Amino acid sequence: MNKKKSIPQGFMTIGELAKKMGTTVRTLQYYDKEGLLTPTGESEGGRRLYTHKDMIQLHQIQSLKSLGFSLKDIKNKLIPLDTPKDVVAVLNEQSLAIQQKLQQLQEAFTAIEALKQEAIQMQQVDFKKYADIIVNLQMNNEYYWLIKHFDDTTLDHIRNRFDKESGMDFMQRFNEISDKVIKLKEAHIAPEDTQAQALAQEFWAMVMEFTNGDMSMLSTLVKFDDLSDDNNAWLEKQKTVNAYLQPALELYFQKSGMHAFEEESQCPTQ
């Protein structure tokens, strides 16, 4: 009884918060250690005490983590919730995330319906296509819309080269580079600047990692610049990144003596 009374009204223990938010005490202790979520109070016995505001902050962390952000990135993206304006900003972010999830589910639904009609009309099933849909649903993959634009050759390459963990790790690192590019663009850093050239080199290394050095795949990747979807924030962001990187990459190729797209044209056709 005394233990219960020692918890002030409006506060909850670390165990209570963990239970309500579907996480573990150990995770919350780690977030405290890393400065991501510091408890608002402390009991007379030295126990961490949290408020409903802390709960909302934790939900921010969980939401950003589910989108693939690293804890380091999350720390920089957290909104303090000190004013109603801050709360509105968080709600806007969560609303956008829900809209994107709904779009992903709608695209998966459309793909399943199309496959169903195809099976009815042709009396056969493309099990490879079916497997891609199932895998992406299981992964809760926010890049499903991207994968569906790949041709069969590229999809086979992705299946053989990446599993769930390595694929999501690749996309996280790719997004981190994109964020750096956006910052350089906003700072009006010229393509010939050493920072831009370093990012061009890093970006090209990721292209080579994705293709495994197969230059014939470059034309497929370039086609993604032609895709259009006003509601897809990632795609629009990537077009901005590519527009900035293009002259930086051209300079990088020139300095390195590389002729990437000439090498592609010399690749034998399959």
Protein backbone atom coordinates (compact mmCIF):
# COMPACT_ATOMS: atom_id res chain seq x y z
CA MET A 1 0.00 0.00 0.00
CA ASN A 2 2.75 2.46 0.93
CA LYS A 3 4.48 1.71 -2.34
CA LYS A 4 1.36 2.72 -4.28
CA LYS A 5 0.93 5.90 -2.24
CA SER A 6 4.51 6.93 -2.99
CA ILE A 7 3.57 7.42 -6.66
CA PRO A 8 2.11 10.96 -7.08
CA GLN A 9 -1.14 11.37 -8.97
CA GLY A 10 -0.64 11.85 -12.70
CA PHE A 11 2.57 9.82 -12.76
CA MET A 12 3.28 6.21 -13.69
CA THR A 13 6.20 3.90 -13.06
CA ILE A 14 8.52 2.68 -15.78
CA GLY A 15 6.83 -0.72 -15.65
CA GLU A 16 3.37 0.79 -16.10
CA LEU A 17 4.51 2.89 -19.06
CA ALA A 18 6.21 -0.11 -20.67
CA LYS A 19 3.03 -2.19 -20.33
CA LYS A 20 0.77 0.54 -21.75
CA MET A 21 3.04 1.19 -24.75
CA GLY A 22 3.91 -2.42 -25.57
CA THR A 23 7.62 -2.13 -24.87
CA THR A 24 10.05 -3.28 -22.17
CA VAL A 25 11.50 -1.69 -19.05
CA ARG A 26 14.96 -2.36 -20.44
CA THR A 27 14.16 -0.39 -23.61
CA LEU A 28 12.90 2.59 -21.60
CA GLN A 29 16.01 2.49 -19.42
CA TYR A 30 18.13 2.55 -22.58
CA TYR A 31 16.16 5.51 -24.01
CA ASP A 32 16.78 7.35 -20.73
CA LYS A 33 20.50 6.59 -20.90
CA GLU A 34 20.68 7.84 -24.52
CA GLY A 35 18.75 11.03 -23.73
CA LEU A 36 15.78 10.08 -25.90
CA LEU A 37 13.18 9.86 -23.15
CA THR A 38 14.07 11.24 -19.73
CA PRO A 39 11.47 10.59 -16.99
CA THR A 40 9.73 13.72 -15.75
CA GLY A 41 10.00 12.76 -12.09
CA GLU A 42 11.45 10.42 -9.53
CA SER A 43 9.83 8.76 -6.53
CA GLU A 44 11.11 9.03 -2.98
CA GLY A 45 12.73 5.67 -3.49
CA GLY A 46 14.50 6.77 -6.67
CA ARG A 47 12.15 5.10 -9.17
CA ARG A 48 11.66 6.67 -12.61
CA LEU A 49 8.26 8.36 -12.95
CA TYR A 50 6.58 9.24 -16.24
CA THR A 51 3.64 11.43 -17.27
CA HIS A 52 1.17 11.26 -20.16
CA LYS A 53 3.35 13.80 -21.95
CA ASP A 54 6.25 11.33 -21.67
CA MET A 55 3.94 8.69 -23.14
CA ILE A 56 3.32 10.87 -26.20
CA GLN A 57 7.06 11.43 -26.54
CA LEU A 58 7.58 7.66 -26.44
CA HIS A 59 4.96 7.24 -29.15
CA GLN A 60 6.95 9.70 -31.29
CA ILE A 61 10.04 7.55 -30.84
CA GLN A 62 8.17 4.34 -31.67
CA SER A 63 6.58 5.90 -34.76
CA LEU A 64 9.90 7.16 -36.12
CA LYS A 65 11.58 3.83 -35.34
CA SER A 66 8.87 1.98 -37.28
CA LEU A 67 9.69 4.18 -40.29
CA GLY A 68 13.29 2.93 -40.24
CA PHE A 69 15.04 5.87 -38.56
CA SER A 70 18.06 5.13 -36.38
CA LEU A 71 17.99 6.22 -32.73
CA LYS A 72 20.58 8.87 -33.58
CA ASP A 73 18.30 10.32 -36.27
CA ILE A 74 15.26 10.07 -33.99
CA LYS A 75 17.01 12.12 -31.32
CA ASN A 76 17.42 14.96 -33.84
CA LYS A 77 13.84 14.67 -35.12
CA LEU A 78 11.97 14.62 -31.79
CA ILE A 79 9.60 17.53 -31.23
CA PRO A 80 9.67 18.79 -27.59
CA LEU A 81 5.86 19.07 -27.06
CA ASP A 82 6.27 22.27 -25.04
CA THR A 83 3.53 24.21 -26.86
CA PRO A 84 0.24 23.44 -28.64
CA LYS A 85 2.10 24.21 -31.89
CA ASP A 86 4.57 21.40 -31.08
CA VAL A 87 1.71 18.98 -30.47
CA VAL A 88 0.07 19.94 -33.78
CA ALA A 89 3.39 19.29 -35.55
CA VAL A 90 3.56 15.78 -34.05
CA LEU A 91 -0.06 15.09 -34.99
CA ASN A 92 0.66 16.23 -38.55
CA GLU A 93 3.61 13.81 -38.76
CA GLN A 94 1.50 10.95 -37.43
CA SER A 95 -1.34 11.82 -39.82
CA LEU A 96 1.08 11.72 -42.76
CA ALA A 97 2.49 8.37 -41.60
CA ILE A 98 -1.03 6.91 -41.40
CA GLN A 99 -1.84 8.22 -44.88
CA GLN A 100 1.29 6.56 -46.25
CA LYS A 101 0.39 3.27 -44.54
CA LEU A 102 -3.12 3.45 -45.99
CA GLN A 103 -1.62 4.05 -49.43
CA GLN A 104 0.67 1.03 -49.02
CA LEU A 105 -2.27 -1.18 -48.01
CA GLN A 106 -4.34 0.14 -50.92
CA GLU A 107 -1.53 -0.67 -53.35
CA ALA A 108 -1.18 -4.16 -51.88
CA PHE A 109 -4.96 -4.64 -52.15
CA THR A 110 -4.91 -3.48 -55.79
CA ALA A 111 -2.04 -5.86 -56.58
CA ILE A 112 -3.88 -8.79 -54.98
CA GLU A 113 -7.10 -7.99 -56.86
CA ALA A 114 -5.19 -7.73 -60.16
CA LEU A 115 -3.46 -11.05 -59.51
CA LYS A 116 -6.81 -12.63 -58.65
CA GLN A 117 -8.35 -11.47 -61.93
CA GLU A 118 -5.27 -12.62 -63.82
CA ALA A 119 -5.57 -16.10 -62.27
CA ILE A 120 -9.28 -16.28 -63.18
CA GLN A 121 -8.78 -15.17 -66.78
CA MET A 122 -5.59 -17.10 -67.57
CA GLN A 123 -6.33 -20.13 -65.36
CA GLN A 124 -2.80 -19.99 -63.98
CA VAL A 125 -1.00 -18.19 -61.15
CA ASP A 126 2.21 -16.18 -61.29
CA PHE A 127 3.54 -17.51 -57.98
CA LYS A 128 6.65 -15.34 -58.15
CA LYS A 129 4.48 -12.21 -58.25
CA TYR A 130 2.26 -13.65 -55.50
CA ALA A 131 5.32 -14.32 -53.32
CA ASP A 132 6.51 -10.72 -53.75
CA ILE A 133 3.16 -9.40 -52.52
CA ILE A 134 3.15 -11.70 -49.48
CA VAL A 135 6.76 -10.93 -48.52
CA ASN A 136 6.18 -7.20 -48.69
CA LEU A 137 3.01 -7.44 -46.61
CA GLN A 138 4.84 -9.50 -43.98
CA MET A 139 7.67 -6.98 -43.91
CA ASN A 140 5.19 -4.11 -43.61
CA ASN A 141 7.41 -2.68 -46.31
CA GLU A 142 6.84 1.02 -46.97
CA TYR A 143 8.81 0.61 -50.21
CA TYR A 144 6.31 -1.83 -51.71
CA TRP A 145 5.19 0.80 -54.25
CA LEU A 146 8.83 1.08 -55.38
CA ILE A 147 9.43 -2.65 -55.72
CA LYS A 148 6.34 -3.15 -57.88
CA HIS A 149 7.90 -0.98 -60.61
CA PHE A 150 10.91 -3.28 -61.04
CA ASP A 151 10.99 -5.74 -63.93
CA ASP A 152 11.40 -9.50 -63.34
CA THR A 153 15.18 -9.42 -63.88
CA THR A 154 15.67 -6.70 -61.29
CA LEU A 155 13.30 -8.42 -58.84
CA ASP A 156 15.28 -11.66 -59.17
CA HIS A 157 18.45 -9.68 -58.46
CA ILE A 158 16.90 -8.11 -55.34
CA ARG A 159 15.67 -11.49 -54.05
CA ASN A 160 19.11 -13.04 -54.48
CA ARG A 161 21.04 -10.08 -53.10
CA PHE A 162 18.98 -8.95 -50.11
CA ASP A 163 16.99 -10.53 -47.31
CA LYS A 164 14.60 -8.56 -45.09
CA GLU A 165 17.27 -7.33 -42.68
CA SER A 166 19.91 -6.38 -45.24
CA GLY A 167 17.28 -4.80 -47.50
CA MET A 168 15.94 -2.53 -44.77
CA ASP A 169 19.50 -1.71 -43.66
CA PHE A 170 20.34 -0.70 -47.23
CA MET A 171 17.29 1.58 -47.46
CA GLN A 172 18.08 3.18 -44.11
CA ARG A 173 21.63 3.99 -45.22
CA PHE A 174 20.34 5.22 -48.57
CA ASN A 175 17.87 7.55 -46.82
CA GLU A 176 20.64 8.86 -44.56
CA ILE A 177 22.67 9.84 -47.64
CA SER A 178 19.58 11.49 -49.14
CA ASP A 179 19.08 13.54 -45.96
CA LYS A 180 22.70 14.72 -46.17
CA VAL A 181 22.19 15.72 -49.80
CA ILE A 182 19.09 17.75 -48.93
CA LYS A 183 21.06 19.61 -46.24
CA LEU A 184 23.82 20.46 -48.75
CA LYS A 185 21.23 21.69 -51.24
CA GLU A 186 19.54 23.86 -48.61
CA ALA A 187 22.95 25.26 -47.63
CA HIS A 188 23.62 26.09 -51.34
CA ILE A 189 26.78 23.96 -51.42
CA ALA A 190 28.11 23.77 -54.99
CA PRO A 191 28.47 20.35 -56.73
CA GLU A 192 32.25 20.79 -56.95
CA ASP A 193 32.58 21.35 -53.19
CA THR A 194 34.45 18.61 -51.33
CA GLN A 195 31.35 17.82 -49.25
CA ALA A 196 29.23 17.30 -52.38
CA GLN A 197 31.95 15.21 -54.00
CA ALA A 198 32.24 13.03 -50.89
CA LEU A 199 28.48 12.40 -50.98
CA ALA A 200 28.59 11.69 -54.71
CA GLN A 201 31.22 9.04 -54.03
CA GLU A 202 29.15 7.59 -51.17
CA PHE A 203 26.00 7.58 -53.32
CA TRP A 204 27.76 5.84 -56.21
CA ALA A 205 29.15 3.23 -53.82
CA MET A 206 25.58 2.43 -52.78
CA VAL A 207 24.50 2.15 -56.42
CA MET A 208 27.33 -0.34 -56.96
CA GLU A 209 26.32 -2.20 -53.80
CA PHE A 210 22.74 -2.47 -55.05
CA THR A 211 23.67 -3.57 -58.58
CA ASN A 212 26.64 -5.67 -57.45
CA GLY A 213 28.58 -3.95 -60.23
CA ASP A 214 26.12 -4.96 -62.96
CA MET A 215 26.16 -1.81 -65.11
CA SER A 216 23.26 -3.07 -67.26
CA MET A 217 20.92 -2.32 -64.33
CA LEU A 218 21.62 1.43 -64.42
CA SER A 219 19.02 2.16 -67.09
CA THR A 220 16.33 0.54 -64.91
CA LEU A 221 17.30 2.71 -61.94
CA VAL A 222 17.39 5.88 -64.04
CA LYS A 223 13.78 5.27 -65.15
CA PHE A 224 12.57 5.94 -61.61
CA ASP A 225 13.12 9.64 -62.21
CA ASP A 226 10.21 9.44 -64.68
CA LEU A 227 7.75 8.09 -62.09
CA SER A 228 5.14 10.54 -60.88
CA ASP A 229 3.14 10.47 -57.64
CA ASP A 230 2.30 13.78 -55.97
CA ASN A 231 1.28 11.97 -52.77
CA ASN A 232 4.56 10.09 -52.40
CA ALA A 233 6.88 12.23 -50.27
CA TRP A 234 9.81 9.79 -50.60
CA LEU A 235 9.67 9.85 -54.41
CA GLU A 236 9.47 13.64 -54.59
CA LYS A 237 12.35 13.94 -52.13
CA GLN A 238 14.44 11.52 -54.18
CA LYS A 239 13.87 13.55 -57.34
CA THR A 240 15.25 16.59 -55.50
CA VAL A 241 18.24 14.52 -54.35
CA ASN A 242 18.91 13.22 -57.87
CA ALA A 243 18.68 16.70 -59.40
CA TYR A 244 21.33 17.96 -56.97
CA LEU A 245 23.54 14.88 -57.28
CA GLN A 246 23.58 14.67 -61.08
CA PRO A 247 26.17 17.45 -61.67
CA ALA A 248 28.11 16.30 -58.59
CA LEU A 249 28.25 12.75 -59.97
CA GLU A 250 29.32 13.98 -63.40
CA LEU A 251 32.24 15.82 -61.80
CA TYR A 252 33.05 12.78 -59.67
CA PHE A 253 33.10 10.52 -62.75
CA GLN A 254 35.25 13.02 -64.62
CA LYS A 255 37.81 13.27 -61.81
CA SER A 256 37.83 9.49 -61.35
CA GLY A 257 38.17 8.78 -65.06
CA MET A 258 34.94 6.76 -64.98
CA HIS A 259 32.42 6.44 -67.81
CA ALA A 260 29.57 4.71 -66.01
CA PHE A 261 26.87 4.91 -68.67
CA GLU A 262 29.28 4.16 -71.50
CA GLU A 263 30.24 0.99 -69.62
CA GLU A 264 26.55 0.15 -69.35
CA SER A 265 26.04 0.45 -73.11
CA GLN A 266 28.95 -1.93 -73.66
CA CYS A 267 27.41 -4.63 -71.44
CA PRO A 268 26.24 -7.65 -73.46
CA THR A 269 22.48 -8.04 -73.72
CA GLN A 270 20.96 -10.92 -71.80
